[in-house]
Amino acid sequence: MNIIELAKQAGFVEYELDDGTTEAFDKRYAKFAALVSAHEREACEKVCEHQPHWAACAAAIRARGTT
């Protein structure tokens, strides 16, 4: 599921700009979502790094942030 689909589920709607065009999604929301995702990945990585057998898990979580 991508950020636009999540935003629609959360109740964000399309809006009309002054020039009559429609923006489906404000770019600030996408940036905010990326920051939240990065913060959550970092928190998950820290949990995994402190577990003796979870190094691969931390690496996999870290890799998700690069795609």
C-alpha atoms as a PDB file:
ATOM      1  CA  MET A   1       0.000   0.000   0.000  1.00  0.00           C
ATOM      2  CA  ASN A   2       1.413   3.403  -0.910  1.00  0.00           C
ATOM      3  CA  ILE A   3       1.180   6.739   0.862  1.00  0.00           C
ATOM      4  CA  ILE A   4      -1.697   8.029  -1.261  1.00  0.00           C
ATOM      5  CA  GLU A   5      -3.831   4.973  -0.485  1.00  0.00           C
ATOM      6  CA  LEU A   6      -3.046   5.331   3.233  1.00  0.00           C
ATOM      7  CA  ALA A   7      -3.946   9.029   3.144  1.00  0.00           C
ATOM      8  CA  LYS A   8      -7.299   8.298   1.501  1.00  0.00           C
ATOM      9  CA  GLN A   9      -8.041   5.699   4.174  1.00  0.00           C
ATOM     10  CA  ALA A  10      -7.210   8.321   6.809  1.00  0.00           C
ATOM     11  CA  GLY A  11      -9.736  10.703   5.277  1.00  0.00           C
ATOM     12  CA  PHE A  12      -7.566  13.002   3.180  1.00  0.00           C
ATOM     13  CA  VAL A  13      -9.448  14.110   0.079  1.00  0.00           C
ATOM     14  CA  GLU A  14      -8.654  15.775  -3.199  1.00  0.00           C
ATOM     15  CA  TYR A  15      -8.964  19.535  -3.360  1.00  0.00           C
ATOM     16  CA  GLU A  16      -9.186  22.135  -6.108  1.00  0.00           C
ATOM     17  CA  LEU A  17      -6.481  24.757  -6.517  1.00  0.00           C
ATOM     18  CA  ASP A  18      -7.115  28.385  -7.480  1.00  0.00           C
ATOM     19  CA  ASP A  19      -6.206  27.637 -11.091  1.00  0.00           C
ATOM     20  CA  GLY A  20      -8.965  25.001 -11.318  1.00  0.00           C
ATOM     21  CA  THR A  21      -6.621  22.015 -11.297  1.00  0.00           C
ATOM     22  CA  THR A  22      -6.946  19.247  -8.769  1.00  0.00           C
ATOM     23  CA  GLU A  23      -4.171  18.037  -6.544  1.00  0.00           C
ATOM     24  CA  ALA A  24      -4.739  14.480  -5.379  1.00  0.00           C
ATOM     25  CA  PHE A  25      -2.257  14.748  -2.566  1.00  0.00           C
ATOM     26  CA  ASP A  26      -0.162  17.442  -0.949  1.00  0.00           C
ATOM     27  CA  LYS A  27       3.583  16.700  -1.176  1.00  0.00           C
ATOM     28  CA  ARG A  28       4.064  17.771   2.428  1.00  0.00           C
ATOM     29  CA  TYR A  29       2.063  14.738   3.539  1.00  0.00           C
ATOM     30  CA  ALA A  30       4.335  12.424   1.561  1.00  0.00           C
ATOM     31  CA  LYS A  31       7.391  14.028   3.163  1.00  0.00           C
ATOM     32  CA  PHE A  32       5.845  13.685   6.624  1.00  0.00           C
ATOM     33  CA  ALA A  33       5.035  10.025   5.964  1.00  0.00           C
ATOM     34  CA  ALA A  34       8.622   9.384   4.836  1.00  0.00           C
ATOM     35  CA  LEU A  35       9.940  10.942   8.052  1.00  0.00           C
ATOM     36  CA  VAL A  36       7.565   8.854  10.189  1.00  0.00           C
ATOM     37  CA  SER A  37       8.569   5.684   8.322  1.00  0.00           C
ATOM     38  CA  ALA A  38      12.270   6.424   8.774  1.00  0.00           C
ATOM     39  CA  HIS A  39      11.755   7.026  12.490  1.00  0.00           C
ATOM     40  CA  GLU A  40       9.874   3.734  12.868  1.00  0.00           C
ATOM     41  CA  ARG A  41      12.547   1.820  10.915  1.00  0.00           C
ATOM     42  CA  GLU A  42      15.230   3.272  13.173  1.00  0.00           C
ATOM     43  CA  ALA A  43      13.315   2.213  16.287  1.00  0.00           C
ATOM     44  CA  CYS A  44      12.865  -1.317  14.913  1.00  0.00           C
ATOM     45  CA  GLU A  45      16.548  -1.540  13.970  1.00  0.00           C
ATOM     46  CA  LYS A  46      17.558  -0.634  17.531  1.00  0.00           C
ATOM     47  CA  VAL A  47      15.373  -3.400  18.950  1.00  0.00           C
ATOM     48  CA  CYS A  48      16.865  -5.953  16.563  1.00  0.00           C
ATOM     49  CA  GLU A  49      20.457  -4.855  17.116  1.00  0.00           C
ATOM     50  CA  HIS A  50      20.186  -5.646  20.818  1.00  0.00           C
ATOM     51  CA  GLN A  51      19.079  -9.210  20.184  1.00  0.00           C
ATOM     52  CA  PRO A  52      21.971 -11.655  19.689  1.00  0.00           C
ATOM     53  CA  HIS A  53      20.509 -13.543  16.722  1.00  0.00           C
ATOM     54  CA  TRP A  54      18.642 -10.715  15.018  1.00  0.00           C
ATOM     55  CA  ALA A  55      21.463  -8.966  13.132  1.00  0.00           C
ATOM     56  CA  ALA A  56      19.960 -10.080   9.818  1.00  0.00           C
ATOM     57  CA  CYS A  57      16.645  -8.618  10.887  1.00  0.00           C
ATOM     58  CA  ALA A  58      18.209  -5.213  11.588  1.00  0.00           C
ATOM     59  CA  ALA A  59      19.986  -5.304   8.226  1.00  0.00           C
ATOM     60  CA  ALA A  60      16.730  -6.136   6.424  1.00  0.00           C
ATOM     61  CA  ILE A  61      14.913  -3.264   8.133  1.00  0.00           C
ATOM     62  CA  ARG A  62      17.761  -0.869   7.300  1.00  0.00           C
ATOM     63  CA  ALA A  63      17.663  -1.998   3.645  1.00  0.00           C
ATOM     64  CA  ARG A  64      13.969  -1.116   3.364  1.00  0.00           C
ATOM     65  CA  GLY A  65      14.902   2.516   3.840  1.00  0.00           C
ATOM     66  CA  THR A  66      17.049   2.509   0.713  1.00  0.00           C
ATOM     67  CA  THR A  67      14.363   1.398  -1.729  1.00  0.00           C
END
